């Protein structure tokens, strides 16, 4: 999408505003499922702005437009979006609802697609409009159906069954557990709109969006366990034998809202206020139903992985560790060989080679997200993706950051390593050492069962704070089981997360530091929460790959940090040495030697 394209698309939105009698249109980044990664059909924010990040929202007015993005995209948005078209704001520090409260004019009518905004977000925006004397208008028809002439069709990716041998529990058993939770909560039914929750409950996986193996669909679960699934039947094919759908009622998605209205009359309906579209809540209330807003019981059940799922994660991490270590060894050798020939190695070449190494591993299906293969200043953009026009060569004097993962038949992986091929500056060494110490501090933490993610977040930031540095993103997230790479509900972040950690949760630990226009650093392992002493938990690393220590000031590590790092590298070496390529073994041996050996 060129800037000229965006200018024309923005003009069409403004013309449409006049036709509809609206003073503004809010355009979320999300779809009807609040997906982080959307299908081309739903990339409406990109259509008007050119912004390709995964979190954002715009407000289009007759005379100006504003775009709101979080800390991960403050650099990227200024590169992708024409400043003559959009003013940039922070999604959380300077959010749209506060802007409306302070800047909206009396009698303004601001529209938003009621299926693309969660109920909680709608309420905040509506309150802000009301405080300014205006009104938030819930639009019931997708405005971009009229505005976007060549809009891509909705996806119809093939759905596959997830075998019970991999899922670890039948769909019927899961549904029985959810119905029990509904009964305990006093709810007559649950309306579910999160595709990964639906995929987990029904033991299916999808392909509507690459690297996100979930089918777009909707679901109603009754207190009696009866399930109604609203899904495009073309995605399932004709042979339903592999699926556990014999007692599941199915209908097309366009019937979903009408069925919600019909089923809600005089009933208590549980919905998740953070994800369920406002349109759903509106239909429930209009039908005489009572919405009960709380986190979906499917979200909570899915977060506690069963023994079979955990075994799958561990097994696929061995395969992923082989691929990642083979790649790191290749990268080290290839970069030096290319430098001698004056043939630079680029970000895209490195990304493609890592995918090729993973593709050789048993059970590998596809990447779990588009890799962040970032050299030099590009690594200062937390969620940078290399493009032909930005494809940068890996240099000797600046770190290279590779954040990547794989979707495997039995699990999902996510890991980040930051490397340097030459001499690091003092500033880079200070930052890398602080990031490493933060990574180790959180990885080593023992905490009471039920501790919440925000209560642990500062462990990862303390060393950076001590030298006056920080990072503007969360420290970690849940990871799905051959599902979404960013899974809810657990998070490590400054923002409160009220869901307690317990054994069976799978998280990432990924502190970083980003110097705009210069370099970026991040270290990430995927971990599982395991039981420790009575009443306490700790983290056990799933990721198996060497952590580069060339930039670290090792003398600043404590005795406990050194012991933890040495033990981790000893495990990596023991598990992988006989499995990696022969040419990768010298690299693995050198990069897993003890800190004491390095200090000699």
Protein backbone atom coordinates (compact mmCIF):
# COMPACT_ATOMS: atom_id res chain seq x y z
CA UNK A 1 0.00 0.00 0.00
CA UNK A 2 1.69 3.22 -1.16
CA UNK A 3 1.20 6.55 0.54
CA UNK A 4 -0.72 7.76 -2.49
CA UNK A 5 -3.01 4.73 -2.18
CA UNK A 6 -3.59 5.50 1.49
CA UNK A 7 -4.38 9.13 0.71
CA UNK A 8 -7.02 8.05 -1.79
CA UNK A 9 -8.48 5.46 0.58
CA UNK A 10 -8.61 8.01 3.38
CA UNK A 11 -10.46 10.40 1.09
CA UNK A 12 -13.08 7.72 0.41
CA UNK A 13 -13.59 7.24 4.14
CA UNK A 14 -14.14 10.98 4.55
CA UNK A 15 -16.65 11.06 1.72
CA UNK A 16 -18.47 8.13 3.34
CA UNK A 17 -18.58 9.99 6.67
CA UNK A 18 -20.50 12.81 5.03
CA UNK A 19 -22.96 10.37 3.46
CA UNK A 20 -23.58 8.67 6.82
CA UNK A 21 -23.91 11.84 8.85
CA UNK A 22 -20.91 10.95 10.99
CA UNK A 23 -18.16 13.21 12.29
CA UNK A 24 -15.58 10.46 12.63
CA UNK A 25 -14.83 6.76 12.13
CA UNK A 26 -12.74 4.61 14.47
CA UNK A 27 -10.82 1.94 12.57
CA UNK A 28 -9.40 -0.84 14.79
CA UNK A 29 -6.52 -3.08 13.73
CA UNK A 30 -8.53 -6.16 14.71
CA UNK A 31 -11.23 -8.33 13.17
CA UNK A 32 -14.43 -9.80 14.64
CA UNK A 33 -12.28 -12.19 16.71
CA UNK A 34 -9.89 -9.54 18.08
CA UNK A 35 -7.10 -11.37 16.24
CA UNK A 36 -3.57 -10.07 16.57
CA UNK A 37 -2.78 -11.23 13.03
CA UNK A 38 -5.66 -10.68 10.64
CA UNK A 39 -6.55 -12.03 7.22
CA UNK A 40 -6.06 -9.65 4.25
CA UNK A 41 -9.85 -9.18 4.22
CA UNK A 42 -9.63 -7.52 7.63
CA UNK A 43 -6.56 -5.31 7.18
CA UNK A 44 -8.67 -2.15 7.20
CA UNK A 45 -6.22 -0.08 9.21
CA UNK A 46 -3.46 -0.92 6.75
CA UNK A 47 -5.82 -0.05 3.88
CA UNK A 48 -6.20 3.55 5.05
CA UNK A 49 -2.77 4.13 6.65
CA UNK A 50 -0.15 1.66 5.42
CA UNK A 51 0.58 0.53 9.00
CA UNK A 52 1.30 -3.23 9.13
CA UNK A 53 1.85 -3.74 12.86
CA UNK A 54 -0.31 -6.04 14.99
CA UNK A 55 -1.71 -3.47 17.45
CA UNK A 56 -3.25 -0.13 16.61
CA UNK A 57 -6.33 1.98 16.05
CA UNK A 58 -7.13 5.06 13.97
CA UNK A 59 -9.61 7.90 14.17
CA UNK A 60 -10.56 9.47 10.86
CA UNK A 61 -12.12 12.94 11.00
CA UNK A 62 -13.14 15.21 8.10
CA UNK A 63 -10.06 17.40 8.51
CA UNK A 64 -7.45 15.14 10.11
CA UNK A 65 -6.63 11.59 11.17
CA UNK A 66 -4.85 10.06 14.14
CA UNK A 67 -3.23 6.65 14.58
CA UNK A 68 -2.55 5.03 17.95
CA UNK A 69 0.10 2.28 18.30
CA UNK A 70 1.89 0.74 21.26
CA UNK A 71 5.55 0.97 22.23
CA UNK A 72 6.66 -1.84 19.92
CA UNK A 73 5.70 0.19 16.86
CA UNK A 74 6.62 3.79 17.65
CA UNK A 75 9.53 3.64 15.19
CA UNK A 76 7.84 1.45 12.60
CA UNK A 77 4.68 3.55 12.37
CA UNK A 78 6.70 6.64 11.49
CA UNK A 79 8.37 4.75 8.66
CA UNK A 80 5.18 3.26 7.21
CA UNK A 81 2.61 6.02 7.72
CA UNK A 82 2.64 9.40 5.98
CA UNK A 83 2.91 12.08 8.70
CA UNK A 84 0.98 14.42 6.44
CA UNK A 85 -1.99 12.05 6.72
CA UNK A 86 -1.84 10.82 10.32
CA UNK A 87 -0.69 12.19 13.67
CA UNK A 88 0.92 9.43 15.78
CA UNK A 89 -0.15 8.76 19.37
CA UNK A 90 0.72 6.05 21.92
CA UNK A 91 -1.99 3.40 22.26
CA UNK A 92 -1.66 3.20 26.06
CA UNK A 93 0.13 6.32 27.28
CA UNK A 94 -2.05 8.65 25.18
CA UNK A 95 -5.05 6.49 24.27
CA UNK A 96 -7.92 7.30 21.95
CA UNK A 97 -10.55 7.43 24.68
CA UNK A 98 -8.66 10.17 26.54
CA UNK A 99 -8.12 12.05 23.29
CA UNK A 100 -11.86 11.95 22.59
CA UNK A 101 -12.67 13.11 26.10
CA UNK A 102 -10.36 16.09 25.76
CA UNK A 103 -10.83 16.97 22.08
CA UNK A 104 -14.22 15.80 20.80
CA UNK A 105 -16.73 18.53 20.16
CA UNK A 106 -20.31 18.56 21.47
CA UNK A 107 -22.74 16.75 19.17
CA UNK A 108 -19.98 14.77 17.44
CA UNK A 109 -21.18 11.38 16.19
CA UNK A 110 -18.24 8.98 15.94
CA UNK A 111 -18.84 5.55 14.40
CA UNK A 112 -17.17 2.20 14.98
CA UNK A 113 -17.92 -1.25 13.55
CA UNK A 114 -19.68 -3.05 16.42
CA UNK A 115 -18.15 -6.40 15.42
CA UNK A 116 -14.57 -5.09 15.41
CA UNK A 117 -14.41 -3.62 18.89
CA UNK A 118 -14.63 -5.52 22.17
CA UNK A 119 -17.32 -4.54 24.63
CA UNK A 120 -14.88 -3.16 27.19
CA UNK A 121 -13.18 -0.98 24.60
CA UNK A 122 -16.52 0.22 23.26
CA UNK A 123 -17.56 1.27 26.77
CA UNK A 124 -14.38 3.31 27.30
CA UNK A 125 -14.77 5.05 23.95
CA UNK A 126 -18.49 5.68 24.50
CA UNK A 127 -17.86 7.15 27.95
CA UNK A 128 -15.25 9.50 26.48
CA UNK A 129 -17.59 10.65 23.72
CA UNK A 130 -20.40 11.22 26.21
CA UNK A 131 -18.12 13.21 28.51
CA UNK A 132 -17.37 15.53 25.59
CA UNK A 133 -21.05 15.87 24.72
CA UNK A 134 -20.86 13.54 21.73
CA UNK A 135 -21.99 10.03 20.87
CA UNK A 136 -20.31 6.77 19.90
CA UNK A 137 -22.38 5.12 17.16
CA UNK A 138 -22.31 1.32 16.84
CA UNK A 139 -22.25 0.53 13.10
CA UNK A 140 -23.97 -2.76 12.34
CA UNK A 141 -22.73 -3.19 8.75
CA UNK A 142 -19.03 -3.36 7.93
CA UNK A 143 -18.28 0.06 6.39
CA UNK A 144 -15.35 -1.30 4.39
CA UNK A 145 -17.65 -3.53 2.37
CA UNK A 146 -18.73 -0.31 0.68
CA UNK A 147 -15.39 1.54 0.86
CA UNK A 148 -12.94 -1.13 -0.32
CA UNK A 149 -13.65 -1.95 -3.97
CA UNK A 150 -11.12 -4.77 -4.41
CA UNK A 151 -11.35 -6.10 -0.88
CA UNK A 152 -10.02 -9.67 -0.51
CA UNK A 153 -12.54 -12.39 0.27
CA UNK A 154 -12.91 -13.84 3.74
CA UNK A 155 -10.52 -16.79 4.22
CA UNK A 156 -11.67 -20.38 3.80
CA UNK A 157 -8.55 -22.22 5.00
CA UNK A 158 -8.80 -25.98 5.47
CA UNK A 159 -9.54 -27.27 8.99
CA UNK A 160 -7.74 -30.37 10.27
CA UNK A 161 -8.40 -32.56 13.29
CA UNK A 162 -6.03 -32.46 16.26
CA UNK A 163 -5.66 -36.11 17.34
CA UNK A 164 -6.45 -36.91 20.97
CA UNK A 165 -3.03 -38.58 21.12
CA UNK A 166 -1.53 -35.08 20.72
CA UNK A 167 -4.24 -33.02 22.43
CA UNK A 168 -4.25 -35.24 25.50
CA UNK A 169 -8.01 -34.95 26.12
CA UNK A 170 -11.13 -35.55 24.06
CA UNK A 171 -13.30 -32.65 22.98
CA UNK A 172 -16.23 -34.20 24.86
CA UNK A 173 -14.23 -34.18 28.09
CA UNK A 174 -13.23 -30.56 27.56
CA UNK A 175 -16.82 -29.55 26.86
CA UNK A 176 -17.98 -31.30 30.03
CA UNK A 177 -15.43 -29.36 32.05
CA UNK A 178 -16.54 -26.07 30.53
CA UNK A 179 -20.23 -26.81 31.21
CA UNK A 180 -19.35 -27.52 34.86
CA UNK A 181 -17.62 -24.15 35.09
CA UNK A 182 -20.64 -22.43 33.58
CA UNK A 183 -22.91 -24.08 36.13
CA UNK A 184 -20.59 -23.03 38.96
CA UNK A 185 -20.62 -19.45 37.66
CA UNK A 186 -24.42 -19.38 37.39
CA UNK A 187 -24.34 -18.88 33.60
CA UNK A 188 -26.82 -20.53 31.24
CA UNK A 189 -24.52 -20.31 28.23
CA UNK A 190 -21.18 -19.06 26.94
CA UNK A 191 -20.66 -17.12 23.74
CA UNK A 192 -17.11 -17.68 22.48
CA UNK A 193 -15.49 -15.64 19.69
CA UNK A 194 -11.78 -16.38 20.16
CA UNK A 195 -10.66 -18.77 17.40
CA UNK A 196 -7.90 -20.41 19.45
CA UNK A 197 -10.32 -21.15 22.30
CA UNK A 198 -12.73 -22.76 19.84
CA UNK A 199 -9.94 -24.74 18.17
CA UNK A 200 -8.71 -26.04 21.53
CA UNK A 201 -12.19 -27.00 22.73
CA UNK A 202 -13.14 -28.88 19.54
CA UNK A 203 -9.67 -30.40 18.95
CA UNK A 204 -9.28 -28.81 15.56
CA UNK A 205 -6.69 -26.60 13.90
CA UNK A 206 -7.09 -24.27 10.93
CA UNK A 207 -5.32 -22.33 8.21
CA UNK A 208 -7.27 -19.11 7.63
CA UNK A 209 -4.15 -17.05 8.38
CA UNK A 210 -0.61 -18.30 7.79
CA UNK A 211 1.31 -19.22 10.97
CA UNK A 212 -1.89 -18.94 13.04
CA UNK A 213 -3.36 -22.47 12.94
CA UNK A 214 -6.91 -21.63 14.00
CA UNK A 215 -10.15 -21.44 11.99
CA UNK A 216 -12.16 -18.24 12.13
CA UNK A 217 -15.51 -19.19 13.66
CA UNK A 218 -17.91 -18.54 16.55
CA UNK A 219 -19.30 -20.82 19.23
CA UNK A 220 -22.16 -21.08 21.72
CA UNK A 221 -21.81 -23.51 24.64
CA UNK A 222 -24.82 -24.33 26.78
CA UNK A 223 -24.74 -25.15 30.47
CA UNK A 224 -25.79 -28.67 29.44
CA UNK A 225 -22.69 -29.01 27.26
CA UNK A 226 -24.52 -28.59 23.98
CA UNK A 227 -22.34 -26.82 21.41
CA UNK A 228 -23.30 -24.78 18.36
CA UNK A 229 -20.40 -24.02 16.00
CA UNK A 230 -20.74 -21.24 13.44
CA UNK A 231 -18.16 -22.04 10.78
CA UNK A 232 -17.94 -21.94 6.99
CA UNK A 233 -18.53 -25.60 6.11
CA UNK A 234 -16.24 -25.33 3.09
CA UNK A 235 -13.32 -25.34 5.52
CA UNK A 236 -14.15 -28.85 6.77
CA UNK A 237 -14.48 -30.74 3.51
CA UNK A 238 -16.76 -33.73 3.09
CA UNK A 239 -15.07 -36.28 5.36
CA UNK A 240 -15.86 -35.52 9.00
CA UNK A 241 -14.68 -38.93 10.28
CA UNK A 242 -11.41 -37.63 11.80
CA UNK A 243 -13.27 -34.95 13.79
CA UNK A 244 -15.04 -35.15 17.16
CA UNK A 245 -18.14 -33.35 15.89
CA UNK A 246 -20.88 -35.99 16.02
CA UNK A 247 -22.86 -34.10 18.69
CA UNK A 248 -21.90 -30.57 17.59
CA UNK A 249 -24.56 -28.50 15.84
CA UNK A 250 -23.14 -26.47 12.95
CA UNK A 251 -24.34 -23.36 11.11
CA UNK A 252 -22.84 -20.72 8.84
CA UNK A 253 -21.20 -17.67 10.51
CA UNK A 254 -23.73 -15.22 9.09
CA UNK A 255 -26.37 -16.79 11.37
CA UNK A 256 -24.31 -16.25 14.52
CA UNK A 257 -25.69 -12.93 15.78
CA UNK A 258 -29.31 -13.90 15.12
CA UNK A 259 -28.80 -17.15 17.01
CA UNK A 260 -27.17 -15.29 19.92
CA UNK A 261 -30.25 -13.08 20.12
CA UNK A 262 -32.62 -16.05 19.97
CA UNK A 263 -30.76 -18.14 22.55
CA UNK A 264 -30.18 -15.29 25.02
CA UNK A 265 -33.78 -14.46 25.91
CA UNK A 266 -34.17 -14.43 29.71
CA UNK A 267 -30.82 -16.19 30.14
CA UNK A 268 -27.50 -15.34 31.73
CA UNK A 269 -24.84 -15.33 29.03
CA UNK A 270 -21.15 -15.35 29.86
CA UNK A 271 -18.96 -13.25 27.56
CA UNK A 272 -15.35 -12.08 27.80
CA UNK A 273 -15.39 -8.25 28.00
CA UNK A 274 -11.86 -7.99 26.60
CA UNK A 275 -12.56 -9.93 23.41
CA UNK A 276 -16.26 -10.41 22.70
CA UNK A 277 -17.47 -7.86 20.12
CA UNK A 278 -19.83 -5.18 21.35
CA UNK A 279 -22.34 -6.36 18.75
CA UNK A 280 -22.70 -9.65 20.64
CA UNK A 281 -23.38 -7.96 23.97
CA UNK A 282 -25.80 -5.59 22.30
CA UNK A 283 -27.80 -8.49 20.84
CA UNK A 284 -27.90 -10.25 24.21
CA UNK A 285 -29.22 -7.18 25.99
CA UNK A 286 -31.71 -6.35 23.24
CA UNK A 287 -33.13 -9.88 23.54
CA UNK A 288 -33.69 -9.63 27.28
CA UNK A 289 -30.60 -11.61 28.19
CA UNK A 290 -28.18 -10.78 30.98
CA UNK A 291 -24.50 -10.56 29.95
CA UNK A 292 -22.08 -11.88 32.56
CA UNK A 293 -18.69 -10.35 31.81
CA UNK A 294 -15.72 -12.43 32.90
CA UNK A 295 -12.72 -14.18 31.38
CA UNK A 296 -13.80 -17.13 29.26
CA UNK A 297 -13.58 -20.47 31.10
CA UNK A 298 -12.08 -21.90 27.92
CA UNK A 299 -9.22 -19.37 28.11
CA UNK A 300 -8.47 -20.46 31.68
CA UNK A 301 -8.76 -24.18 30.98
CA UNK A 302 -6.56 -23.94 27.89
CA UNK A 303 -3.81 -22.12 29.81
CA UNK A 304 -3.16 -25.10 32.12
CA UNK A 305 -1.47 -27.53 29.74
CA UNK A 306 -2.00 -31.22 30.31
CA UNK A 307 0.80 -33.80 30.53
CA UNK A 308 0.48 -34.80 26.87
CA UNK A 309 0.62 -31.19 25.69
CA UNK A 310 3.68 -30.48 27.86
CA UNK A 311 5.45 -33.55 26.51
CA UNK A 312 4.72 -32.29 23.01
CA UNK A 313 6.19 -28.88 23.79
CA UNK A 314 9.34 -30.43 25.23
CA UNK A 315 9.78 -32.80 22.30
CA UNK A 316 9.31 -30.12 19.66
CA UNK A 317 11.75 -27.86 21.50
CA UNK A 318 14.43 -30.49 21.07
CA UNK A 319 13.79 -30.46 17.33
CA UNK A 320 13.65 -26.67 17.33
CA UNK A 321 16.86 -26.47 19.33
CA UNK A 322 18.62 -28.65 16.75
CA UNK A 323 17.43 -26.36 13.95
CA UNK A 324 18.26 -23.15 15.80
CA UNK A 325 21.73 -24.33 16.81
CA UNK A 326 22.49 -25.56 13.29
CA UNK A 327 21.43 -22.13 12.08
CA UNK A 328 23.56 -20.24 14.62
CA UNK A 329 26.60 -22.31 13.67
CA UNK A 330 25.92 -21.78 9.96
CA UNK A 331 25.43 -18.05 10.53
CA UNK A 332 28.75 -17.71 12.33
CA UNK A 333 30.61 -19.58 9.60
CA UNK A 334 28.74 -18.10 6.64
CA UNK A 335 29.08 -14.51 7.82
CA UNK A 336 32.85 -14.84 8.11
CA UNK A 337 33.18 -16.61 4.76
CA UNK A 338 31.05 -13.97 3.06
CA UNK A 339 33.01 -11.15 4.63
CA UNK A 340 36.25 -12.58 3.24
CA UNK A 341 34.66 -12.59 -0.21
CA UNK A 342 33.02 -9.16 0.23
CA UNK A 343 29.58 -10.75 -0.24
CA UNK A 344 27.39 -9.43 2.59
CA UNK A 345 24.96 -11.77 4.33
CA UNK A 346 21.53 -10.14 4.60
CA UNK A 347 18.56 -10.31 6.97
CA UNK A 348 16.32 -12.05 4.45
CA UNK A 349 18.96 -14.66 3.61
CA UNK A 350 19.38 -15.46 7.29
CA UNK A 351 15.63 -15.69 7.84
CA UNK A 352 15.19 -18.04 4.89
CA UNK A 353 18.05 -20.26 6.04
CA UNK A 354 16.56 -20.63 9.52
CA UNK A 355 13.22 -21.65 8.00
CA UNK A 356 15.07 -24.22 5.88
CA UNK A 357 16.77 -25.71 8.95
CA UNK A 358 13.45 -25.96 10.76
CA UNK A 359 11.78 -27.51 7.72
CA UNK A 360 14.17 -30.46 8.04
CA UNK A 361 12.90 -31.33 11.53
CA UNK A 362 10.22 -33.99 12.13
CA UNK A 363 6.80 -32.55 12.92
CA UNK A 364 7.54 -29.06 11.64
CA UNK A 365 4.61 -27.40 9.90
CA UNK A 366 5.39 -23.71 9.40
CA UNK A 367 6.84 -20.70 11.23
CA UNK A 368 4.87 -19.65 14.32
CA UNK A 369 5.25 -15.99 13.27
CA UNK A 370 7.19 -13.95 10.75
CA UNK A 371 10.76 -13.94 12.05
CA UNK A 372 12.30 -10.73 13.29
CA UNK A 373 15.61 -10.94 11.46
CA UNK A 374 17.09 -7.55 12.26
CA UNK A 375 20.54 -6.06 11.84
CA UNK A 376 21.81 -2.69 13.03
CA UNK A 377 19.18 0.00 13.49
CA UNK A 378 16.44 -2.31 12.23
CA UNK A 379 16.72 -4.28 15.48
CA UNK A 380 15.65 -1.16 17.38
CA UNK A 381 12.14 -1.81 16.01
CA UNK A 382 10.80 -4.52 18.33
CA UNK A 383 8.58 -6.14 15.70
CA UNK A 384 10.56 -5.39 12.54
CA UNK A 385 10.15 -7.70 9.55
CA UNK A 386 12.74 -7.54 6.79
CA UNK A 387 11.46 -6.46 3.37
CA UNK A 388 13.34 -6.21 0.06
CA UNK A 389 13.52 -2.43 0.43
CA UNK A 390 14.82 -2.61 4.03
CA UNK A 391 16.93 -5.77 3.74
CA UNK A 392 20.15 -4.91 5.59
CA UNK A 393 23.49 -6.71 5.67
CA UNK A 394 24.74 -8.17 8.95
CA UNK A 395 27.74 -6.10 9.98
CA UNK A 396 30.67 -6.57 12.34
CA UNK A 397 30.03 -3.54 14.49
CA UNK A 398 26.35 -3.88 15.35
CA UNK A 399 24.27 -6.68 16.91
CA UNK A 400 22.07 -8.99 14.88
CA UNK A 401 18.76 -9.99 16.51
CA UNK A 402 16.84 -13.10 15.44
CA UNK A 403 13.43 -13.72 17.05
CA UNK A 404 11.68 -16.72 15.53
CA UNK A 405 9.69 -19.85 16.19
CA UNK A 406 8.02 -22.86 14.67
CA UNK A 407 4.61 -24.48 14.57
CA UNK A 408 5.05 -28.20 15.11
CA UNK A 409 2.41 -30.91 15.12
CA UNK A 410 2.90 -31.28 18.87
CA UNK A 411 3.69 -27.74 20.01
CA UNK A 412 4.81 -24.19 19.31
CA UNK A 413 8.19 -22.54 19.84
CA UNK A 414 9.47 -18.98 20.28
CA UNK A 415 13.07 -17.91 20.99
CA UNK A 416 15.33 -14.90 20.49
CA UNK A 417 19.10 -14.64 20.32
CA UNK A 418 21.22 -11.51 19.79
CA UNK A 419 24.72 -11.90 18.34
CA UNK A 420 27.65 -9.79 17.30
CA UNK A 421 30.37 -10.77 14.85
CA UNK A 422 32.88 -8.04 15.69
CA UNK A 423 33.62 -5.76 18.62
CA UNK A 424 30.75 -4.32 20.63
CA UNK A 425 30.80 -0.76 21.89
CA UNK A 426 30.77 -0.05 25.61
CA UNK A 427 27.14 1.03 25.34
CA UNK A 428 26.18 -2.26 23.67
CA UNK A 429 28.03 -4.26 26.32
CA UNK A 430 26.35 -2.39 29.16
CA UNK A 431 22.91 -2.89 27.64
CA UNK A 432 23.46 -6.55 26.73
CA UNK A 433 24.76 -7.36 30.20
CA UNK A 434 21.74 -5.71 31.82
CA UNK A 435 19.36 -7.59 29.51
CA UNK A 436 21.16 -10.86 30.27
CA UNK A 437 20.99 -10.25 34.02
CA UNK A 438 17.29 -9.45 33.75
CA UNK A 439 16.69 -12.59 31.72
CA UNK A 440 18.53 -14.67 34.31
CA UNK A 441 16.84 -12.99 37.25
CA UNK A 442 13.33 -13.82 36.05
CA UNK A 443 14.35 -17.27 34.80
CA UNK A 444 15.72 -18.09 38.27
CA UNK A 445 12.76 -16.71 40.22
CA UNK A 446 10.87 -18.80 42.78
CA UNK A 447 7.40 -17.51 43.55
CA UNK A 448 4.20 -18.54 45.36
CA UNK A 449 1.68 -20.45 43.26
CA UNK A 450 -0.85 -17.93 41.96
CA UNK A 451 1.63 -15.06 41.64
CA UNK A 452 0.58 -12.72 38.85
CA UNK A 453 2.73 -11.75 35.89
CA UNK A 454 3.03 -8.04 36.70
CA UNK A 455 4.33 -8.97 40.16
CA UNK A 456 7.32 -10.68 38.51
CA UNK A 457 7.96 -8.25 35.65
CA UNK A 458 10.42 -6.05 37.56
CA UNK A 459 12.79 -9.03 38.01
CA UNK A 460 13.60 -8.69 34.30
CA UNK A 461 13.92 -4.89 34.35
CA UNK A 462 15.90 -4.26 37.53
CA UNK A 463 19.37 -4.49 35.97
CA UNK A 464 18.31 -2.14 33.16
CA UNK A 465 16.71 0.29 35.60
CA UNK A 466 19.94 0.33 37.59
CA UNK A 467 21.70 1.93 34.61
CA UNK A 468 18.81 4.17 33.57
CA UNK A 469 17.40 1.99 30.77
CA UNK A 470 14.08 0.24 30.09
CA UNK A 471 12.02 -1.23 27.25
CA UNK A 472 8.52 -0.37 26.07
CA UNK A 473 6.98 -3.82 25.71
CA UNK A 474 5.97 -6.72 27.89
CA UNK A 475 8.50 -9.20 29.25
CA UNK A 476 6.68 -12.37 28.22
CA UNK A 477 3.48 -14.05 27.11
CA UNK A 478 1.73 -17.40 27.08
CA UNK A 479 2.30 -19.66 24.07
CA UNK A 480 -0.38 -21.89 22.55
CA UNK A 481 -0.12 -25.63 21.86
CA UNK A 482 0.10 -25.62 18.07
CA UNK A 483 -2.09 -22.54 18.42
CA UNK A 484 -1.32 -18.82 18.63
CA UNK A 485 2.17 -17.64 19.53
CA UNK A 486 0.66 -14.95 21.77
CA UNK A 487 -1.89 -16.74 23.92
CA UNK A 488 -4.01 -15.27 26.69
CA UNK A 489 -4.44 -14.78 29.59
CA UNK A 490 -0.99 -14.67 31.20
CA UNK A 491 1.52 -11.87 30.65
CA UNK A 492 4.69 -10.49 32.20
CA UNK A 493 4.34 -6.72 31.90
CA UNK A 494 4.06 -3.52 33.88
CA UNK A 495 0.34 -3.47 33.18
CA UNK A 496 -1.57 -5.53 35.78
CA UNK A 497 -2.43 -9.09 34.78
CA UNK A 498 -4.77 -10.63 37.32
CA UNK A 499 -4.32 -14.28 36.30
CA UNK A 500 -2.14 -16.28 38.67
CA UNK A 501 0.61 -18.55 37.38
CA UNK A 502 0.42 -22.25 38.14
CA UNK A 503 2.17 -25.44 37.04
CA UNK A 504 1.36 -26.21 33.40
CA UNK A 505 1.46 -22.62 32.16
CA UNK A 506 3.84 -22.06 29.25
CA UNK A 507 5.42 -18.61 28.97
CA UNK A 508 8.22 -16.68 27.34
CA UNK A 509 10.83 -14.60 29.16
CA UNK A 510 12.16 -11.90 26.83
CA UNK A 511 13.61 -8.65 28.19
CA UNK A 512 15.34 -6.32 25.77
CA UNK A 513 16.74 -2.90 25.06
CA UNK A 514 16.37 -0.77 21.92
CA UNK A 515 18.45 2.27 20.99
CA UNK A 516 16.52 4.08 18.27
CA UNK A 517 18.50 4.40 15.07
CA UNK A 518 21.37 2.30 16.42
CA UNK A 519 20.73 -1.26 17.69
CA UNK A 520 18.39 -3.63 19.49
CA UNK A 521 18.97 -6.44 22.00
CA UNK A 522 16.66 -9.19 23.22
CA UNK A 523 17.19 -12.60 24.84
CA UNK A 524 14.24 -14.99 24.99
CA UNK A 525 13.53 -18.50 26.15
CA UNK A 526 10.24 -20.31 26.31
CA UNK A 527 9.62 -21.78 29.77
CA UNK A 528 7.06 -23.86 31.61
CA UNK A 529 5.85 -23.17 35.11
CA UNK A 530 6.65 -26.16 37.33
CA UNK A 531 6.06 -26.97 40.99
CA UNK A 532 8.95 -26.18 43.32
CA UNK A 533 8.89 -26.39 47.12
CA UNK A 534 5.39 -26.72 48.64
CA UNK A 535 3.23 -23.79 47.62
CA UNK A 536 5.84 -22.38 45.26
CA UNK A 537 6.66 -22.53 41.56
CA UNK A 538 9.66 -21.90 39.33
CA UNK A 539 10.42 -21.82 35.62
CA UNK A 540 11.95 -24.66 33.62
CA UNK A 541 13.45 -23.73 30.26
CA UNK A 542 12.02 -25.43 27.20
CA UNK A 543 14.17 -23.58 24.66
CA UNK A 544 17.45 -25.36 23.94
CA UNK A 545 20.04 -23.18 22.18
CA UNK A 546 23.25 -21.41 23.18
CA UNK A 547 22.98 -17.86 24.51
CA UNK A 548 25.67 -15.72 22.93
CA UNK A 549 27.92 -14.15 25.58
CA UNK A 550 30.34 -12.18 23.38
CA UNK A 551 28.80 -8.86 24.42
CA UNK A 552 28.31 -9.73 28.08
CA UNK A 553 30.49 -8.32 30.87
CA UNK A 554 30.75 -11.71 32.56
CA UNK A 555 32.55 -10.37 35.63
CA UNK A 556 29.35 -8.52 36.54
CA UNK A 557 27.36 -11.75 36.86
CA UNK A 558 26.70 -13.06 40.35
CA UNK A 559 27.71 -16.53 41.50
CA UNK A 560 24.10 -17.71 41.26
CA UNK A 561 23.65 -16.22 37.79
CA UNK A 562 26.82 -17.96 36.58
CA UNK A 563 25.70 -21.28 38.07
CA UNK A 564 22.30 -21.03 36.38
CA UNK A 565 23.80 -20.06 33.02
CA UNK A 566 26.39 -22.84 33.20
CA UNK A 567 23.73 -25.42 34.10
CA UNK A 568 21.54 -24.28 31.23
CA UNK A 569 24.37 -24.49 28.73
CA UNK A 570 25.40 -27.89 30.05
CA UNK A 571 21.85 -29.14 29.41
CA UNK A 572 21.83 -27.64 25.92
CA UNK A 573 25.14 -29.32 25.14
CA UNK A 574 24.06 -32.70 26.57
CA UNK A 575 20.76 -32.79 24.70
CA UNK A 576 21.94 -31.44 21.35
CA UNK A 577 25.56 -32.48 20.84
CA UNK A 578 24.80 -35.84 19.19
CA UNK A 579 21.84 -34.45 17.27
CA UNK A 580 23.12 -31.32 15.54
CA UNK A 581 25.03 -31.43 12.26
CA UNK A 582 28.68 -32.46 12.62
CA UNK A 583 29.83 -29.06 11.37
CA UNK A 584 27.72 -27.38 14.09
CA UNK A 585 29.29 -29.29 17.00
CA UNK A 586 32.40 -27.12 17.39
CA UNK A 587 30.16 -24.05 17.59
CA UNK A 588 27.88 -25.73 20.14
CA UNK A 589 30.86 -26.82 22.25
CA UNK A 590 32.45 -23.37 22.17
CA UNK A 591 29.23 -21.49 22.97
CA UNK A 592 28.17 -23.73 25.86
CA UNK A 593 31.47 -23.75 27.74
CA UNK A 594 31.39 -22.50 31.30
CA UNK A 595 31.76 -18.86 32.29
CA UNK A 596 34.95 -19.75 34.16
CA UNK A 597 36.45 -21.15 30.95
CA UNK A 598 35.53 -17.96 29.13
CA UNK A 599 37.22 -15.79 31.75
CA UNK A 600 40.55 -17.57 31.50
